[in-house]
């Protein structure tokens, strides 16, 4: 399957290729991921996702942003109908998109970020390769081929906010907490395969916060030792993930996501204290691989 901008996010591409998003989805909930791959579950688009795409398309090009705004007109714009002419009159934008405009303004006014926006390169570059026994696909926000720079546009709640990692027993930045170092490691390996280079490209995240006024940062993620660690973790998880994806073993349910809530079947009465994370039981297997989410929602 040859990937294009039109088929990159299709179910067919999901089945044939692994991606960083799909990998993280499997780690979060195998059952929901498999239901999505089999066309039995379509996740609802969150407002945060639409706002994020609004920001990304603006950084890509005027044409891409205009097309996106037309497609999501009712999500973005406040409007009313002129009683005399019947024409739709735009009266403003909903708050999240007005806030995104402020974030975009910060980017285009900052000399360093603007230089990255204007740097010769190509937007939404698709690259493919093979890692850990399967084909992977990546879609780079911006790729500057001559300079070998990958640029990733990111929005976040607070650039300086940290999250506690119970496994490491320490607090970590949003870059680590959201798996961006894993993505940088995968993107780097695929870029080297795709271009035939031996050295790592520079991987830069341009982050803008949703605060008022927005904060901003340009972050270099290059760290070979950390990349090696992230790749080792992915390799450890891939045997299980591929077994689930190929139907060799039954997927596990996380128990708390949208899919699991919608398809939940109570099997027994449990003590109240099992709600405490430290008493939480091992994740259950999917109840029934043929379970239809739409029927479950209709019956619920």
Protein backbone atom coordinates (compact mmCIF):
# COMPACT_ATOMS: atom_id res chain seq x y z
CA UNK A 1 0.00 0.00 0.00
CA UNK A 2 1.46 3.34 -1.06
CA UNK A 3 0.66 5.99 1.51
CA UNK A 4 -0.64 9.41 0.49
CA UNK A 5 -2.13 12.36 2.35
CA UNK A 6 -5.58 11.08 1.38
CA UNK A 7 -5.19 7.53 2.69
CA UNK A 8 -2.70 8.00 5.54
CA UNK A 9 -5.35 7.94 8.30
CA UNK A 10 -7.55 5.25 6.76
CA UNK A 11 -8.37 1.88 8.39
CA UNK A 12 -6.44 0.15 5.59
CA UNK A 13 -3.29 2.08 6.49
CA UNK A 14 -3.83 1.29 10.17
CA UNK A 15 -3.99 -2.43 9.40
CA UNK A 16 -0.91 -2.51 7.18
CA UNK A 17 1.32 -0.10 9.12
CA UNK A 18 2.23 0.53 12.72
CA UNK A 19 2.50 4.16 13.82
CA UNK A 20 3.49 5.94 17.02
CA UNK A 21 -0.15 6.82 17.70
CA UNK A 22 -1.27 3.23 17.15
CA UNK A 23 1.55 1.93 19.36
CA UNK A 24 0.49 4.25 22.19
CA UNK A 25 -3.13 3.27 21.62
CA UNK A 26 -2.26 -0.42 22.07
CA UNK A 27 -0.47 0.39 25.33
CA UNK A 28 -3.52 2.31 26.55
CA UNK A 29 -6.23 -0.19 25.57
CA UNK A 30 -5.74 -3.19 23.31
CA UNK A 31 -9.47 -3.91 23.06
CA UNK A 32 -10.37 -0.40 21.91
CA UNK A 33 -7.52 -0.37 19.40
CA UNK A 34 -8.55 -3.70 17.90
CA UNK A 35 -12.21 -2.64 17.76
CA UNK A 36 -11.12 0.44 15.86
CA UNK A 37 -8.95 -1.60 13.46
CA UNK A 38 -11.90 -3.91 12.75
CA UNK A 39 -14.26 -1.01 12.11
CA UNK A 40 -16.44 -1.73 15.14
CA UNK A 41 -15.49 1.42 17.02
CA UNK A 42 -14.98 4.97 15.80
CA UNK A 43 -13.60 7.24 18.57
CA UNK A 44 -15.42 10.53 18.92
CA UNK A 45 -13.36 13.55 17.88
CA UNK A 46 -12.59 15.59 20.97
CA UNK A 47 -12.57 19.36 20.89
CA UNK A 48 -8.87 19.28 21.83
CA UNK A 49 -8.12 17.18 18.73
CA UNK A 50 -9.98 19.54 16.41
CA UNK A 51 -8.31 22.61 17.95
CA UNK A 52 -4.93 20.89 17.60
CA UNK A 53 -5.57 20.25 13.91
CA UNK A 54 -6.73 23.86 13.53
CA UNK A 55 -3.34 24.97 14.87
CA UNK A 56 -1.38 22.49 12.74
CA UNK A 57 -3.03 23.40 9.46
CA UNK A 58 -2.34 27.09 10.11
CA UNK A 59 1.34 26.29 10.55
CA UNK A 60 1.25 24.22 7.37
CA UNK A 61 -0.19 26.70 4.86
CA UNK A 62 -3.00 29.19 4.25
CA UNK A 63 -4.63 26.79 1.80
CA UNK A 64 -4.62 23.84 4.24
CA UNK A 65 -5.97 26.05 7.03
CA UNK A 66 -8.74 27.48 4.87
CA UNK A 67 -9.80 24.00 3.81
CA UNK A 68 -9.84 22.80 7.42
CA UNK A 69 -11.92 25.77 8.57
CA UNK A 70 -14.45 25.15 5.83
CA UNK A 71 -14.70 21.49 6.80
CA UNK A 72 -15.19 22.31 10.49
CA UNK A 73 -17.13 25.54 10.07
CA UNK A 74 -19.77 24.78 12.72
CA UNK A 75 -17.13 23.75 15.27
CA UNK A 76 -15.05 26.89 14.81
CA UNK A 77 -17.36 29.81 14.02
CA UNK A 78 -20.23 31.47 15.79
CA UNK A 79 -22.80 32.46 13.20
CA UNK A 80 -26.35 33.60 12.58
CA UNK A 81 -28.67 33.68 9.60
CA UNK A 82 -29.65 37.05 8.15
CA UNK A 83 -33.46 37.08 8.22
CA UNK A 84 -33.72 39.22 5.09
CA UNK A 85 -31.16 37.55 2.81
CA UNK A 86 -30.86 34.10 4.39
CA UNK A 87 -27.08 34.45 4.33
CA UNK A 88 -24.93 33.04 7.12
CA UNK A 89 -23.10 35.80 8.99
CA UNK A 90 -20.02 34.94 11.06
CA UNK A 91 -20.16 36.69 14.44
CA UNK A 92 -16.92 35.36 15.90
CA UNK A 93 -15.07 32.19 16.89
CA UNK A 94 -15.67 29.89 19.81
CA UNK A 95 -13.27 30.41 22.72
CA UNK A 96 -10.85 27.49 22.06
CA UNK A 97 -10.27 28.67 18.47
CA UNK A 98 -9.91 32.29 19.48
CA UNK A 99 -7.29 31.10 21.98
CA UNK A 100 -5.59 29.10 19.19
CA UNK A 101 -5.42 32.29 17.12
CA UNK A 102 -3.52 33.93 19.99
CA UNK A 103 -1.13 31.00 20.04
CA UNK A 104 -0.58 31.27 16.30
CA UNK A 105 0.05 35.00 16.61
CA UNK A 106 2.73 34.29 19.21
CA UNK A 107 4.42 31.87 16.79
CA UNK A 108 4.39 34.15 13.78
CA UNK A 109 5.66 37.12 15.81
CA UNK A 110 8.54 35.28 17.45
CA UNK A 111 11.72 35.66 15.32
CA UNK A 112 13.10 32.19 16.09
CA UNK A 113 9.84 30.34 15.51
CA UNK A 114 9.16 32.41 12.39
CA UNK A 115 12.58 31.44 11.03
CA UNK A 116 11.63 27.76 11.46
CA UNK A 117 8.29 28.36 9.75
CA UNK A 118 10.06 30.07 6.84
CA UNK A 119 12.91 27.56 6.62
CA UNK A 120 12.97 25.79 3.24
CA UNK A 121 11.28 22.43 3.63
CA UNK A 122 8.16 20.39 3.02
CA UNK A 123 5.08 20.05 5.23
CA UNK A 124 3.32 16.81 6.17
CA UNK A 125 6.05 14.53 4.80
CA UNK A 126 5.23 10.81 4.85
CA UNK A 127 8.05 8.32 5.46
CA UNK A 128 7.92 4.55 5.90
CA UNK A 129 10.32 1.89 7.12
CA UNK A 130 10.60 -1.35 9.09
CA UNK A 131 11.23 -1.76 12.80
CA UNK A 132 10.78 -4.68 15.19
CA UNK A 133 9.21 -7.03 12.67
CA UNK A 134 6.64 -4.76 11.06
CA UNK A 135 6.19 -1.78 8.76
CA UNK A 136 5.95 1.67 10.32
CA UNK A 137 4.63 4.94 8.96
CA UNK A 138 5.43 8.48 10.07
CA UNK A 139 4.05 11.85 9.01
CA UNK A 140 6.39 14.74 9.78
CA UNK A 141 4.84 18.15 10.44
CA UNK A 142 7.78 19.71 8.60
CA UNK A 143 10.92 18.22 7.12
CA UNK A 144 13.85 20.34 6.00
CA UNK A 145 15.68 17.89 3.76
CA UNK A 146 18.86 19.89 3.10
CA UNK A 147 19.38 20.70 6.78
CA UNK A 148 17.98 17.33 7.93
CA UNK A 149 15.69 18.91 10.50
CA UNK A 150 12.37 17.47 11.64
CA UNK A 151 10.03 20.07 13.13
CA UNK A 152 7.02 19.10 15.23
CA UNK A 153 4.39 21.70 16.16
CA UNK A 154 2.92 21.01 19.60
CA UNK A 155 0.28 22.70 21.73
CA UNK A 156 0.13 21.98 25.45
CA UNK A 157 -1.59 23.20 28.61
CA UNK A 158 1.60 24.45 30.27
CA UNK A 159 5.14 24.02 28.95
CA UNK A 160 6.66 24.01 32.44
CA UNK A 161 4.13 21.72 34.11
CA UNK A 162 5.52 18.35 35.22
CA UNK A 163 3.80 15.00 35.79
CA UNK A 164 4.70 12.34 38.33
CA UNK A 165 5.93 9.08 36.82
CA UNK A 166 5.19 6.26 39.30
CA UNK A 167 7.54 3.85 37.51
CA UNK A 168 10.56 6.16 37.69
CA UNK A 169 9.46 7.72 40.98
CA UNK A 170 10.10 11.25 39.75
CA UNK A 171 8.42 14.12 37.97
CA UNK A 172 8.93 14.61 34.25
CA UNK A 173 8.24 17.22 31.58
CA UNK A 174 5.33 17.10 29.14
CA UNK A 175 7.82 15.95 26.47
CA UNK A 176 8.55 12.78 28.45
CA UNK A 177 5.06 12.28 29.91
CA UNK A 178 3.34 12.36 26.50
CA UNK A 179 5.80 10.03 24.80
CA UNK A 180 7.38 12.61 22.50
CA UNK A 181 10.87 11.18 23.05
CA UNK A 182 9.59 7.81 21.89
CA UNK A 183 8.16 9.49 18.80
CA UNK A 184 11.41 11.33 18.17
CA UNK A 185 13.33 8.05 18.40
CA UNK A 186 10.99 6.27 15.96
CA UNK A 187 10.87 9.21 13.54
CA UNK A 188 14.67 9.40 13.61
CA UNK A 189 15.12 5.71 12.77
CA UNK A 190 12.56 5.84 9.97
CA UNK A 191 14.12 9.02 8.55
CA UNK A 192 17.53 7.35 8.43
CA UNK A 193 16.10 4.31 6.66
CA UNK A 194 14.11 6.44 4.25
CA UNK A 195 16.99 8.76 3.32
CA UNK A 196 19.90 6.32 3.65
CA UNK A 197 21.72 8.50 6.20
CA UNK A 198 23.74 7.10 9.10
CA UNK A 199 23.58 10.11 11.43
CA UNK A 200 20.54 11.33 13.37
CA UNK A 201 18.58 14.29 12.01
CA UNK A 202 17.85 17.17 14.37
CA UNK A 203 14.40 16.83 15.95
CA UNK A 204 12.85 20.09 17.15
CA UNK A 205 9.57 20.57 18.97
CA UNK A 206 8.03 24.03 18.79
CA UNK A 207 5.69 24.11 21.77
CA UNK A 208 3.06 26.74 22.51
CA UNK A 209 0.93 26.74 25.66
CA UNK A 210 -2.81 27.36 25.90
CA UNK A 211 -2.31 29.92 28.66
CA UNK A 212 -3.19 33.59 28.41
CA UNK A 213 -0.81 34.92 27.25
CA UNK A 214 0.65 31.78 25.63
CA UNK A 215 4.11 30.57 26.57
CA UNK A 216 6.47 29.22 23.91
CA UNK A 217 9.62 27.15 23.53
CA UNK A 218 11.78 25.58 20.83
CA UNK A 219 13.11 22.27 22.16
CA UNK A 220 15.83 20.04 20.70
CA UNK A 221 15.07 16.40 21.53
CA UNK A 222 18.25 14.81 20.18
CA UNK A 223 19.61 12.45 22.87
CA UNK A 224 21.05 9.23 21.48
CA UNK A 225 21.17 7.37 24.79
CA UNK A 226 17.53 8.24 25.51
CA UNK A 227 16.56 7.27 21.96
CA UNK A 228 18.19 3.85 22.50
CA UNK A 229 16.24 3.40 25.73
CA UNK A 230 12.95 4.36 24.06
CA UNK A 231 13.59 1.97 21.17
CA UNK A 232 14.37 -0.84 23.62
CA UNK A 233 11.02 -0.26 25.36
CA UNK A 234 9.16 -0.30 22.05
CA UNK A 235 10.91 -3.52 21.03
CA UNK A 236 9.91 -5.18 24.34
CA UNK A 237 6.26 -4.31 23.79
CA UNK A 238 6.02 -5.13 20.09
CA UNK A 239 5.88 -8.94 20.45
CA UNK A 240 2.67 -8.66 22.49
CA UNK A 241 1.23 -5.88 20.31
CA UNK A 242 1.80 -7.78 17.05
CA UNK A 243 0.31 -10.96 18.53
CA UNK A 244 -2.82 -9.00 19.43
CA UNK A 245 -2.96 -7.15 16.12
CA UNK A 246 -2.61 -10.38 14.12
CA UNK A 247 -5.33 -12.10 16.16
CA UNK A 248 -3.08 -14.64 17.84
CA UNK A 249 -4.12 -13.59 21.36
CA UNK A 250 -7.22 -11.89 22.71
CA UNK A 251 -6.87 -8.15 23.45
CA UNK A 252 -7.02 -6.79 26.99
CA UNK A 253 -9.48 -4.13 28.09
CA UNK A 254 -8.23 -1.08 30.03
CA UNK A 255 -11.61 -0.79 31.74
CA UNK A 256 -11.87 2.99 31.71
CA UNK A 257 -11.77 4.35 28.15
CA UNK A 258 -14.74 5.37 26.02
CA UNK A 259 -14.89 1.98 24.32
CA UNK A 260 -14.62 -0.02 27.55
CA UNK A 261 -17.30 2.05 29.26
CA UNK A 262 -19.68 1.65 26.33
CA UNK A 263 -19.22 -2.12 26.11
CA UNK A 264 -18.84 -2.91 29.82
CA UNK A 265 -20.62 -6.00 31.15
CA UNK A 266 -20.75 -6.49 34.92
CA UNK A 267 -19.85 -10.03 35.90
CA UNK A 268 -19.87 -9.81 39.69
CA UNK A 269 -20.35 -7.55 42.70
CA UNK A 270 -17.00 -6.29 43.97
CA UNK A 271 -15.92 -4.63 47.26
CA UNK A 272 -15.79 -0.81 47.15
CA UNK A 273 -12.07 -0.71 47.92
CA UNK A 274 -11.25 -2.28 44.56
CA UNK A 275 -11.77 1.23 43.13
CA UNK A 276 -8.43 2.11 44.72
CA UNK A 277 -5.70 1.74 42.05
CA UNK A 278 -3.53 -0.42 44.30
CA UNK A 279 -6.31 -3.03 44.52
CA UNK A 280 -7.18 -2.91 40.83
CA UNK A 281 -7.36 -6.33 39.22
CA UNK A 282 -5.44 -7.30 36.11
CA UNK A 283 -6.98 -6.06 32.91
CA UNK A 284 -9.75 -8.29 31.59
CA UNK A 285 -9.70 -9.86 28.17
CA UNK A 286 -12.13 -8.58 25.58
CA UNK A 287 -15.54 -10.10 26.33
CA UNK A 288 -16.40 -10.99 22.76
CA UNK A 289 -14.43 -10.17 19.63
CA UNK A 290 -17.68 -9.92 17.67
CA UNK A 291 -19.21 -7.49 20.18
CA UNK A 292 -20.79 -4.59 18.33
CA UNK A 293 -20.36 -1.21 20.01
CA UNK A 294 -23.26 0.38 18.16
CA UNK A 295 -25.64 -2.32 19.43
CA UNK A 296 -24.28 -1.87 22.93
CA UNK A 297 -24.87 1.88 22.80
CA UNK A 298 -28.36 1.40 21.37
CA UNK A 299 -29.25 -1.08 24.13
CA UNK A 300 -27.75 1.20 26.78
